Amino acid sequence: MKEKKVFILAIPTIVIIILVTLGMLVIFYNRNYKKMSRNDAKILAQKVAIIDNISCEMITNTYGKDIVSDYKLKNNEMISNVDGFTIYDNKDEQIIIQLVDSQKRAYIYSNYKSEIDDFKAMICSVAKLFEDENYNYEFKKYETVNGIKCVNFTLKNNEIEFNIWLDRSSGMIVKMICQNNLDGSNQVDSTIYYRYKIGNVSPDQVQRPDLAGYEVTEL
């Protein structure tokens, strides 16, 4: 009788274990094998819009030549290094300062145009692409790129194709290949890698530059 009671009590436990195991298998399948839908990829890409603290290095390879750009953003201040120039942007104060360190020259622009807005538009470019229904979406695979778990998909029309890898956690672009199809070929125009860290920028990394020793020109 005692053995029968123990067996009866064990049945619910076995059922619970089976249900938990099945649940874990479903989660594993959804995360690693189930194709991500267009809507889910769009929602993932939209997560980038809320990022306000990020350091990002972009490496753009076009025709075998690498162009490196570096950005550090915290709240509404940003320091960027693009094409050999250092640019400070304070959106709250609406100030743009461009430094040419090799010549010890500084330019302060009175006509404010936000570099921060341009940078955010760049990292949110995939979300913007999803707004255009003329781009056809195709899920490719899940893949790890530079140690980051990504979802890989394409967005394309008759003229251009974007092969995109998004961070499955943050929605950030990790890699993008742009192919121009205007001439009927499938020639790769450029490949862009994004190396970034979210939430690691300190105030001193985006503070207004000290212009002592620079020749300052107000434009």
C-alpha atoms as a PDB file:
ATOM      1  CA  MET A   1       0.000   0.000   0.000  1.00  0.00           C
ATOM      2  CA  LYS A   2       2.849   2.339   0.865  1.00  0.00           C
ATOM      3  CA  GLU A   3       4.592   1.650  -2.451  1.00  0.00           C
ATOM      4  CA  LYS A   4       1.349   2.370  -4.332  1.00  0.00           C
ATOM      5  CA  LYS A   5       0.931   5.721  -2.526  1.00  0.00           C
ATOM      6  CA  VAL A   6       4.504   6.736  -3.366  1.00  0.00           C
ATOM      7  CA  PHE A   7       3.893   5.817  -7.024  1.00  0.00           C
ATOM      8  CA  ILE A   8       0.677   7.896  -7.124  1.00  0.00           C
ATOM      9  CA  LEU A   9       2.437  10.893  -5.581  1.00  0.00           C
ATOM     10  CA  ALA A  10       5.280  10.572  -8.084  1.00  0.00           C
ATOM     11  CA  ILE A  11       2.972  10.864 -11.112  1.00  0.00           C
ATOM     12  CA  PRO A  12       2.255  14.639 -10.728  1.00  0.00           C
ATOM     13  CA  THR A  13       5.976  15.276 -10.249  1.00  0.00           C
ATOM     14  CA  ILE A  14       6.799  13.414 -13.462  1.00  0.00           C
ATOM     15  CA  VAL A  15       4.090  15.352 -15.320  1.00  0.00           C
ATOM     16  CA  ILE A  16       5.509  18.679 -14.067  1.00  0.00           C
ATOM     17  CA  ILE A  17       9.027  17.695 -15.153  1.00  0.00           C
ATOM     18  CA  ILE A  18       7.754  16.725 -18.613  1.00  0.00           C
ATOM     19  CA  LEU A  19       5.826  20.011 -18.985  1.00  0.00           C
ATOM     20  CA  VAL A  20       8.834  22.097 -17.859  1.00  0.00           C
ATOM     21  CA  THR A  21      11.102  20.203 -20.263  1.00  0.00           C
ATOM     22  CA  LEU A  22       8.672  20.710 -23.155  1.00  0.00           C
ATOM     23  CA  GLY A  23       8.407  24.401 -22.300  1.00  0.00           C
ATOM     24  CA  MET A  24      12.194  24.762 -22.320  1.00  0.00           C
ATOM     25  CA  LEU A  25      12.372  22.967 -25.673  1.00  0.00           C
ATOM     26  CA  VAL A  26       9.767  25.334 -27.162  1.00  0.00           C
ATOM     27  CA  ILE A  27      11.701  28.376 -25.891  1.00  0.00           C
ATOM     28  CA  PHE A  28      14.953  26.950 -27.276  1.00  0.00           C
ATOM     29  CA  TYR A  29      13.320  26.283 -30.651  1.00  0.00           C
ATOM     30  CA  ASN A  30      11.786  29.771 -30.849  1.00  0.00           C
ATOM     31  CA  ARG A  31      15.088  31.436 -29.987  1.00  0.00           C
ATOM     32  CA  ASN A  32      17.327  29.363 -32.235  1.00  0.00           C
ATOM     33  CA  TYR A  33      15.336  27.869 -35.105  1.00  0.00           C
ATOM     34  CA  LYS A  34      12.000  29.623 -35.595  1.00  0.00           C
ATOM     35  CA  LYS A  35      12.226  32.136 -38.430  1.00  0.00           C
ATOM     36  CA  MET A  36      11.871  35.727 -37.242  1.00  0.00           C
ATOM     37  CA  SER A  37       8.921  37.432 -38.906  1.00  0.00           C
ATOM     38  CA  ARG A  38       9.121  40.836 -40.572  1.00  0.00           C
ATOM     39  CA  ASN A  39       7.096  42.411 -37.769  1.00  0.00           C
ATOM     40  CA  ASP A  40       9.309  40.923 -35.036  1.00  0.00           C
ATOM     41  CA  ALA A  41      12.457  42.103 -36.856  1.00  0.00           C
ATOM     42  CA  LYS A  42      10.913  45.567 -37.201  1.00  0.00           C
ATOM     43  CA  ILE A  43      10.132  45.731 -33.464  1.00  0.00           C
ATOM     44  CA  LEU A  44      13.696  44.631 -32.683  1.00  0.00           C
ATOM     45  CA  ALA A  45      15.160  47.337 -34.938  1.00  0.00           C
ATOM     46  CA  GLN A  46      12.987  49.997 -33.277  1.00  0.00           C
ATOM     47  CA  LYS A  47      14.593  49.331 -29.874  1.00  0.00           C
ATOM     48  CA  VAL A  48      17.655  51.317 -30.959  1.00  0.00           C
ATOM     49  CA  ALA A  49      15.704  54.608 -30.870  1.00  0.00           C
ATOM     50  CA  ILE A  50      15.818  54.747 -27.053  1.00  0.00           C
ATOM     51  CA  ILE A  51      19.617  54.397 -26.803  1.00  0.00           C
ATOM     52  CA  ASP A  52      21.168  57.602 -25.416  1.00  0.00           C
ATOM     53  CA  ASN A  53      24.515  56.305 -24.133  1.00  0.00           C
ATOM     54  CA  ILE A  54      26.689  54.471 -26.647  1.00  0.00           C
ATOM     55  CA  SER A  55      30.195  54.302 -28.071  1.00  0.00           C
ATOM     56  CA  CYS A  56      30.233  53.115 -31.670  1.00  0.00           C
ATOM     57  CA  GLU A  57      33.007  52.498 -34.177  1.00  0.00           C
ATOM     58  CA  MET A  58      31.947  52.077 -37.795  1.00  0.00           C
ATOM     59  CA  ILE A  59      34.238  50.403 -40.312  1.00  0.00           C
ATOM     60  CA  THR A  60      33.047  50.913 -43.880  1.00  0.00           C
ATOM     61  CA  ASN A  61      34.763  48.949 -46.624  1.00  0.00           C
ATOM     62  CA  THR A  62      34.167  50.257 -50.130  1.00  0.00           C
ATOM     63  CA  TYR A  63      36.185  48.970 -53.092  1.00  0.00           C
ATOM     64  CA  GLY A  64      38.721  47.433 -50.706  1.00  0.00           C
ATOM     65  CA  LYS A  65      39.319  50.623 -48.704  1.00  0.00           C
ATOM     66  CA  ASP A  66      38.403  50.908 -45.012  1.00  0.00           C
ATOM     67  CA  ILE A  67      36.972  54.146 -43.608  1.00  0.00           C
ATOM     68  CA  VAL A  68      36.771  54.271 -39.799  1.00  0.00           C
ATOM     69  CA  SER A  69      34.393  56.577 -37.919  1.00  0.00           C
ATOM     70  CA  ASP A  70      34.078  56.791 -34.147  1.00  0.00           C
ATOM     71  CA  TYR A  71      31.197  58.150 -32.049  1.00  0.00           C
ATOM     72  CA  LYS A  72      30.633  58.630 -28.322  1.00  0.00           C
ATOM     73  CA  LEU A  73      27.178  59.755 -27.223  1.00  0.00           C
ATOM     74  CA  LYS A  74      25.814  60.435 -23.759  1.00  0.00           C
ATOM     75  CA  ASN A  75      22.428  62.071 -23.423  1.00  0.00           C
ATOM     76  CA  ASN A  76      22.622  65.158 -25.656  1.00  0.00           C
ATOM     77  CA  GLU A  77      26.395  65.474 -25.995  1.00  0.00           C
ATOM     78  CA  MET A  78      28.550  63.693 -28.558  1.00  0.00           C
ATOM     79  CA  ILE A  79      32.176  63.544 -29.666  1.00  0.00           C
ATOM     80  CA  SER A  80      32.803  62.068 -33.107  1.00  0.00           C
ATOM     81  CA  ASN A  81      35.896  61.447 -35.205  1.00  0.00           C
ATOM     82  CA  VAL A  82      35.129  61.311 -38.910  1.00  0.00           C
ATOM     83  CA  ASP A  83      37.533  61.785 -41.842  1.00  0.00           C
ATOM     84  CA  GLY A  84      40.272  63.088 -39.540  1.00  0.00           C
ATOM     85  CA  PHE A  85      38.045  65.715 -37.921  1.00  0.00           C
ATOM     86  CA  THR A  86      36.866  65.806 -34.308  1.00  0.00           C
ATOM     87  CA  ILE A  87      33.356  67.205 -33.859  1.00  0.00           C
ATOM     88  CA  TYR A  88      31.721  68.174 -30.565  1.00  0.00           C
ATOM     89  CA  ASP A  89      27.923  68.475 -30.518  1.00  0.00           C
ATOM     90  CA  ASN A  90      25.886  69.779 -27.584  1.00  0.00           C
ATOM     91  CA  LYS A  91      22.255  69.548 -28.561  1.00  0.00           C
ATOM     92  CA  ASP A  92      20.944  71.302 -25.448  1.00  0.00           C
ATOM     93  CA  GLU A  93      23.144  74.344 -26.061  1.00  0.00           C
ATOM     94  CA  GLN A  94      22.982  73.927 -29.864  1.00  0.00           C
ATOM     95  CA  ILE A  95      26.736  74.191 -30.313  1.00  0.00           C
ATOM     96  CA  ILE A  96      28.898  72.502 -32.939  1.00  0.00           C
ATOM     97  CA  ILE A  97      32.696  72.710 -32.624  1.00  0.00           C
ATOM     98  CA  GLN A  98      34.953  71.161 -35.247  1.00  0.00           C
ATOM     99  CA  LEU A  99      38.612  70.556 -34.450  1.00  0.00           C
ATOM    100  CA  VAL A 100      41.441  70.084 -36.931  1.00  0.00           C
ATOM    101  CA  ASP A 101      44.074  68.820 -34.507  1.00  0.00           C
ATOM    102  CA  SER A 102      46.851  68.609 -37.095  1.00  0.00           C
ATOM    103  CA  GLN A 103      46.542  72.366 -37.689  1.00  0.00           C
ATOM    104  CA  LYS A 104      45.440  73.363 -34.158  1.00  0.00           C
ATOM    105  CA  ARG A 105      42.359  75.000 -35.626  1.00  0.00           C
ATOM    106  CA  ALA A 106      38.832  75.087 -34.204  1.00  0.00           C
ATOM    107  CA  TYR A 107      35.623  76.134 -35.946  1.00  0.00           C
ATOM    108  CA  ILE A 108      32.494  77.123 -34.019  1.00  0.00           C
ATOM    109  CA  TYR A 109      29.339  77.006 -36.147  1.00  0.00           C
ATOM    110  CA  SER A 110      26.562  79.515 -35.481  1.00  0.00           C
ATOM    111  CA  ASN A 111      24.165  77.740 -37.858  1.00  0.00           C
ATOM    112  CA  TYR A 112      23.432  74.671 -35.746  1.00  0.00           C
ATOM    113  CA  LYS A 113      22.788  71.345 -37.477  1.00  0.00           C
ATOM    114  CA  SER A 114      22.681  68.417 -35.089  1.00  0.00           C
ATOM    115  CA  GLU A 115      25.325  65.748 -35.645  1.00  0.00           C
ATOM    116  CA  ILE A 116      23.548  63.761 -32.935  1.00  0.00           C
ATOM    117  CA  ASP A 117      20.391  63.587 -35.040  1.00  0.00           C
ATOM    118  CA  ASP A 118      22.439  62.379 -38.024  1.00  0.00           C
ATOM    119  CA  PHE A 119      24.123  59.701 -35.896  1.00  0.00           C
ATOM    120  CA  LYS A 120      20.821  58.483 -34.452  1.00  0.00           C
ATOM    121  CA  ALA A 121      19.307  58.379 -37.934  1.00  0.00           C
ATOM    122  CA  MET A 122      22.256  56.227 -38.994  1.00  0.00           C
ATOM    123  CA  ILE A 123      21.918  53.654 -36.211  1.00  0.00           C
ATOM    124  CA  CYS A 124      18.121  53.680 -36.688  1.00  0.00           C
ATOM    125  CA  SER A 125      18.401  53.211 -40.454  1.00  0.00           C
ATOM    126  CA  VAL A 126      17.111  49.630 -40.398  1.00  0.00           C
ATOM    127  CA  ALA A 127      13.948  50.684 -38.551  1.00  0.00           C
ATOM    128  CA  LYS A 128      13.498  53.364 -41.214  1.00  0.00           C
ATOM    129  CA  LEU A 129      13.876  50.803 -44.002  1.00  0.00           C
ATOM    130  CA  PHE A 130      11.091  48.707 -42.457  1.00  0.00           C
ATOM    131  CA  GLU A 131       8.706  51.659 -42.856  1.00  0.00           C
ATOM    132  CA  ASP A 132       8.928  51.255 -46.626  1.00  0.00           C
ATOM    133  CA  GLU A 133       6.693  48.369 -47.689  1.00  0.00           C
ATOM    134  CA  ASN A 134       8.448  48.284 -51.075  1.00  0.00           C
ATOM    135  CA  TYR A 135      11.360  46.466 -49.423  1.00  0.00           C
ATOM    136  CA  ASN A 136      10.846  42.706 -49.420  1.00  0.00           C
ATOM    137  CA  TYR A 137      11.880  40.953 -46.208  1.00  0.00           C
ATOM    138  CA  GLU A 138      13.556  37.547 -46.120  1.00  0.00           C
ATOM    139  CA  PHE A 139      14.809  35.806 -42.986  1.00  0.00           C
ATOM    140  CA  LYS A 140      18.202  34.139 -43.474  1.00  0.00           C
ATOM    141  CA  LYS A 141      19.529  32.655 -40.237  1.00  0.00           C
ATOM    142  CA  TYR A 142      20.684  33.208 -36.690  1.00  0.00           C
ATOM    143  CA  GLU A 143      24.426  33.758 -36.499  1.00  0.00           C
ATOM    144  CA  THR A 144      27.081  34.983 -34.064  1.00  0.00           C
ATOM    145  CA  VAL A 145      29.140  37.889 -35.446  1.00  0.00           C
ATOM    146  CA  ASN A 146      32.077  39.304 -33.457  1.00  0.00           C
ATOM    147  CA  GLY A 147      30.788  37.469 -30.384  1.00  0.00           C
ATOM    148  CA  ILE A 148      27.265  38.950 -30.698  1.00  0.00           C
ATOM    149  CA  LYS A 149      24.188  36.780 -31.263  1.00  0.00           C
ATOM    150  CA  CYS A 150      22.477  38.156 -34.365  1.00  0.00           C
ATOM    151  CA  VAL A 151      19.485  37.658 -36.599  1.00  0.00           C
ATOM    152  CA  ASN A 152      20.367  37.867 -40.300  1.00  0.00           C
ATOM    153  CA  PHE A 153      17.845  38.969 -42.925  1.00  0.00           C
ATOM    154  CA  THR A 154      17.616  40.917 -46.173  1.00  0.00           C
ATOM    155  CA  LEU A 155      15.544  43.908 -47.223  1.00  0.00           C
ATOM    156  CA  LYS A 156      15.534  44.506 -50.954  1.00  0.00           C
ATOM    157  CA  ASN A 157      13.749  45.972 -53.927  1.00  0.00           C
ATOM    158  CA  ASN A 158      14.586  46.014 -57.649  1.00  0.00           C
ATOM    159  CA  GLU A 159      17.424  48.492 -57.169  1.00  0.00           C
ATOM    160  CA  ILE A 160      19.206  47.700 -53.910  1.00  0.00           C
ATOM    161  CA  GLU A 161      19.617  44.916 -51.383  1.00  0.00           C
ATOM    162  CA  PHE A 162      20.570  45.280 -47.723  1.00  0.00           C
ATOM    163  CA  ASN A 163      21.942  42.148 -46.046  1.00  0.00           C
ATOM    164  CA  ILE A 164      21.620  42.930 -42.337  1.00  0.00           C
ATOM    165  CA  TRP A 165      22.761  41.403 -39.049  1.00  0.00           C
ATOM    166  CA  LEU A 166      21.006  42.803 -35.948  1.00  0.00           C
ATOM    167  CA  ASP A 167      21.945  42.254 -32.324  1.00  0.00           C
ATOM    168  CA  ARG A 168      19.130  40.033 -31.008  1.00  0.00           C
ATOM    169  CA  SER A 169      19.313  41.764 -27.640  1.00  0.00           C
ATOM    170  CA  SER A 170      19.619  45.506 -28.382  1.00  0.00           C
ATOM    171  CA  GLY A 171      18.515  45.733 -32.020  1.00  0.00           C
ATOM    172  CA  MET A 172      21.777  47.451 -32.985  1.00  0.00           C
ATOM    173  CA  ILE A 173      23.236  46.878 -36.432  1.00  0.00           C
ATOM    174  CA  VAL A 174      26.276  44.611 -36.190  1.00  0.00           C
ATOM    175  CA  LYS A 175      26.961  44.202 -39.893  1.00  0.00           C
ATOM    176  CA  MET A 176      25.414  45.420 -43.131  1.00  0.00           C
ATOM    177  CA  ILE A 177      26.227  44.631 -46.747  1.00  0.00           C
ATOM    178  CA  CYS A 178      24.759  46.967 -49.374  1.00  0.00           C
ATOM    179  CA  GLN A 179      24.444  45.670 -52.922  1.00  0.00           C
ATOM    180  CA  ASN A 180      23.581  47.917 -55.837  1.00  0.00           C
ATOM    181  CA  ASN A 181      21.478  46.270 -58.530  1.00  0.00           C
ATOM    182  CA  LEU A 182      20.951  49.253 -60.838  1.00  0.00           C
ATOM    183  CA  ASP A 183      23.099  47.833 -63.619  1.00  0.00           C
ATOM    184  CA  GLY A 184      21.569  44.378 -63.400  1.00  0.00           C
ATOM    185  CA  SER A 185      24.604  42.911 -61.614  1.00  0.00           C
ATOM    186  CA  ASN A 186      24.966  41.917 -57.970  1.00  0.00           C
ATOM    187  CA  GLN A 187      28.105  43.882 -57.206  1.00  0.00           C
ATOM    188  CA  VAL A 188      28.869  44.542 -53.544  1.00  0.00           C
ATOM    189  CA  ASP A 189      29.137  48.285 -53.032  1.00  0.00           C
ATOM    190  CA  SER A 190      30.033  48.384 -49.350  1.00  0.00           C
ATOM    191  CA  THR A 191      30.260  46.375 -46.148  1.00  0.00           C
ATOM    192  CA  ILE A 192      29.825  48.108 -42.793  1.00  0.00           C
ATOM    193  CA  TYR A 193      30.772  46.705 -39.390  1.00  0.00           C
ATOM    194  CA  TYR A 194      29.503  48.322 -36.188  1.00  0.00           C
ATOM    195  CA  ARG A 195      31.509  47.789 -33.012  1.00  0.00           C
ATOM    196  CA  TYR A 196      29.717  49.288 -30.050  1.00  0.00           C
ATOM    197  CA  LYS A 197      29.145  49.291 -26.306  1.00  0.00           C
ATOM    198  CA  ILE A 198      25.935  50.521 -24.757  1.00  0.00           C
ATOM    199  CA  GLY A 199      25.915  52.447 -21.470  1.00  0.00           C
ATOM    200  CA  ASN A 200      29.699  52.777 -21.115  1.00  0.00           C
ATOM    201  CA  VAL A 201      30.256  56.469 -22.014  1.00  0.00           C
ATOM    202  CA  SER A 202      31.227  58.717 -19.087  1.00  0.00           C
ATOM    203  CA  PRO A 203      30.676  62.526 -18.965  1.00  0.00           C
ATOM    204  CA  ASP A 204      34.392  63.292 -19.390  1.00  0.00           C
ATOM    205  CA  GLN A 205      34.415  61.453 -22.737  1.00  0.00           C
ATOM    206  CA  VAL A 206      31.899  63.871 -24.250  1.00  0.00           C
ATOM    207  CA  GLN A 207      32.790  67.105 -22.508  1.00  0.00           C
ATOM    208  CA  ARG A 208      33.303  70.341 -24.423  1.00  0.00           C
ATOM    209  CA  PRO A 209      36.880  70.452 -25.760  1.00  0.00           C
ATOM    210  CA  ASP A 210      39.429  72.838 -24.302  1.00  0.00           C
ATOM    211  CA  LEU A 211      40.311  75.283 -27.098  1.00  0.00           C
ATOM    212  CA  ALA A 212      43.439  76.684 -25.420  1.00  0.00           C
ATOM    213  CA  GLY A 213      46.205  76.779 -28.031  1.00  0.00           C
ATOM    214  CA  TYR A 214      43.773  76.562 -30.961  1.00  0.00           C
ATOM    215  CA  GLU A 215      43.124  79.224 -33.553  1.00  0.00           C
ATOM    216  CA  VAL A 216      39.372  79.693 -33.197  1.00  0.00           C
ATOM    217  CA  THR A 217      37.131  80.767 -36.095  1.00  0.00           C
ATOM    218  CA  GLU A 218      33.433  81.462 -35.686  1.00  0.00           C
ATOM    219  CA  LEU A 219      31.387  80.639 -38.765  1.00  0.00           C
END
